[in-house]
């Protein structure tokens, strides 16, 4: 009887340690912790300047984001969609492969053939490879 009691206590003591060890081995959960629309990125990788209004002559719009817990070959799709003044909708998707761990990423939308941006109202959504959105879409205007 005493031996059974000792074994029972050992199990109760070892079970929490085993659970803690397994929790330490768990795969980190990927998340986007910040995202911004901006005109560019500085030398340190920070968005500069943040804005939601662009001129066609700006030539590009950048979407900057900070992430945590990326696995090997983690992909974020940056999906741009716009509607021009005539009501025509257009879409462009930019897949970005991330470095494992924590970091920042950036995707850009440029005008046709490197020229001026097309005027209109834009939305940009960041999604997983299976098209699950990482938070609400961002909006910006080219006018």
Protein backbone atom coordinates (compact mmCIF):
# COMPACT_ATOMS: atom_id res chain seq x y z
CA UNK A 1 0.00 0.00 0.00
CA UNK A 2 2.82 2.38 0.91
CA UNK A 3 4.58 1.64 -2.37
CA UNK A 4 1.44 2.55 -4.35
CA UNK A 5 1.16 5.81 -2.44
CA UNK A 6 4.80 6.70 -3.25
CA UNK A 7 4.27 5.91 -6.95
CA UNK A 8 1.13 8.06 -6.99
CA UNK A 9 3.01 11.02 -5.52
CA UNK A 10 5.84 10.59 -8.03
CA UNK A 11 3.35 10.71 -10.90
CA UNK A 12 1.76 13.86 -9.45
CA UNK A 13 5.20 15.49 -9.19
CA UNK A 14 6.44 14.44 -12.62
CA UNK A 15 3.27 15.21 -14.59
CA UNK A 16 3.56 19.03 -14.31
CA UNK A 17 7.24 18.85 -15.29
CA UNK A 18 6.40 16.77 -18.36
CA UNK A 19 3.67 19.25 -19.37
CA UNK A 20 6.07 22.18 -18.99
CA UNK A 21 8.67 20.43 -21.13
CA UNK A 22 6.10 19.75 -23.87
CA UNK A 23 4.85 23.34 -23.76
CA UNK A 24 8.41 24.55 -24.35
CA UNK A 25 8.55 22.45 -27.52
CA UNK A 26 5.29 23.82 -28.93
CA UNK A 27 5.49 25.58 -32.30
CA UNK A 28 5.20 29.37 -31.92
CA UNK A 29 2.00 30.86 -33.31
CA UNK A 30 2.52 33.16 -36.30
CA UNK A 31 1.02 36.63 -36.03
CA UNK A 32 1.20 40.02 -37.70
CA UNK A 33 1.57 42.50 -34.90
CA UNK A 34 1.65 45.71 -36.92
CA UNK A 35 0.99 46.80 -40.51
CA UNK A 36 1.14 50.19 -42.23
CA UNK A 37 0.75 51.83 -45.62
CA UNK A 38 3.67 54.16 -46.34
CA UNK A 39 5.75 55.78 -49.07
CA UNK A 40 8.88 53.78 -48.33
CA UNK A 41 11.12 52.12 -45.78
CA UNK A 42 14.24 53.73 -44.26
CA UNK A 43 17.68 52.11 -43.92
CA UNK A 44 16.71 50.60 -40.55
CA UNK A 45 13.63 48.95 -42.11
CA UNK A 46 11.06 51.32 -40.56
CA UNK A 47 8.08 52.71 -42.53
CA UNK A 48 8.61 56.32 -43.71
CA UNK A 49 6.33 58.34 -43.96
CA UNK A 50 3.04 56.64 -43.13
CA UNK A 51 0.11 57.96 -45.19
CA UNK A 52 -3.17 56.91 -46.80
CA UNK A 53 -3.12 59.42 -49.69
CA UNK A 54 -0.74 59.17 -52.64
CA UNK A 55 -0.27 61.11 -55.86
CA UNK A 56 0.02 59.23 -59.16
CA UNK A 57 3.54 60.67 -59.53
CA UNK A 58 4.63 58.94 -56.29
CA UNK A 59 5.02 55.83 -58.42
CA UNK A 60 4.75 53.34 -55.54
CA UNK A 61 2.90 52.44 -52.37
CA UNK A 62 4.57 50.31 -49.70
CA UNK A 63 2.89 48.01 -47.21
CA UNK A 64 5.15 47.41 -44.22
CA UNK A 65 4.46 44.82 -41.53
CA UNK A 66 6.00 43.38 -38.37
CA UNK A 67 5.55 39.69 -37.55
CA UNK A 68 6.28 37.11 -34.86
CA UNK A 69 6.73 33.35 -34.92
CA UNK A 70 7.30 32.76 -38.64
CA UNK A 71 8.15 29.19 -39.52
CA UNK A 72 10.53 28.09 -42.28
CA UNK A 73 9.24 29.13 -45.72
CA UNK A 74 6.34 31.10 -44.15
CA UNK A 75 4.47 33.05 -46.84
CA UNK A 76 2.31 36.15 -46.42
CA UNK A 77 0.25 37.20 -49.43
CA UNK A 78 -0.21 40.94 -49.86
CA UNK A 79 -3.35 41.51 -51.95
CA UNK A 80 -3.94 44.90 -53.54
CA UNK A 81 -7.35 45.72 -55.01
CA UNK A 82 -8.58 48.97 -56.48
CA UNK A 83 -11.54 50.54 -58.19
CA UNK A 84 -10.81 53.37 -60.61
CA UNK A 85 -13.07 56.37 -61.22
CA UNK A 86 -14.91 54.47 -63.99
CA UNK A 87 -15.74 51.64 -61.56
CA UNK A 88 -13.28 49.11 -63.02
CA UNK A 89 -11.83 46.78 -60.39
CA UNK A 90 -8.30 45.40 -60.59
CA UNK A 91 -6.33 43.08 -58.29
CA UNK A 92 -2.67 42.25 -57.74
CA UNK A 93 -1.17 39.70 -55.33
CA UNK A 94 2.40 39.82 -54.00
CA UNK A 95 3.60 36.73 -52.07
CA UNK A 96 6.37 37.44 -49.55
CA UNK A 97 8.52 34.66 -48.04
CA UNK A 98 9.52 35.61 -44.49
CA UNK A 99 12.65 34.87 -42.52
CA UNK A 100 11.95 32.44 -39.66
CA UNK A 101 11.27 33.94 -36.23
CA UNK A 102 10.40 37.60 -35.71
CA UNK A 103 10.99 40.41 -38.18
CA UNK A 104 9.56 42.88 -40.65
CA UNK A 105 8.45 42.60 -44.25
CA UNK A 106 7.45 44.92 -47.05
CA UNK A 107 5.60 44.67 -50.34
CA UNK A 108 5.07 47.41 -52.86
CA UNK A 109 2.60 48.35 -55.52
CA UNK A 110 4.08 50.28 -58.44
CA UNK A 111 2.51 52.00 -61.40
CA UNK A 112 2.29 50.19 -64.74
CA UNK A 113 5.79 49.66 -66.18
CA UNK A 114 7.29 51.65 -63.29
CA UNK A 115 5.29 54.75 -64.18
CA UNK A 116 2.55 56.67 -62.40
CA UNK A 117 0.11 55.00 -60.03
CA UNK A 118 -3.43 54.56 -61.30
CA UNK A 119 -5.86 56.92 -59.51
CA UNK A 120 -8.56 55.26 -57.44
CA UNK A 121 -9.50 53.81 -54.06
CA UNK A 122 -7.40 50.87 -52.93
CA UNK A 123 -7.57 48.21 -50.26
CA UNK A 124 -4.75 45.93 -49.24
CA UNK A 125 -5.17 42.70 -47.32
CA UNK A 126 -2.47 40.49 -45.81
CA UNK A 127 -3.38 36.80 -45.78
CA UNK A 128 -1.98 33.33 -45.23
CA UNK A 129 -1.33 31.01 -48.17
CA UNK A 130 -4.83 29.61 -47.62
CA UNK A 131 -6.31 33.15 -47.82
CA UNK A 132 -7.07 33.62 -44.11
CA UNK A 133 -6.80 37.37 -43.42
CA UNK A 134 -4.41 38.69 -40.77
CA UNK A 135 -6.72 41.39 -39.43
CA UNK A 136 -8.77 44.02 -41.25
CA UNK A 137 -7.80 45.38 -44.67
CA UNK A 138 -5.95 48.69 -44.99
CA UNK A 139 -7.24 51.46 -47.26
CA UNK A 140 -5.49 54.16 -49.27
CA UNK A 141 -6.27 56.51 -52.14
CA UNK A 142 -4.31 57.62 -55.20
CA UNK A 143 -5.56 61.03 -56.39
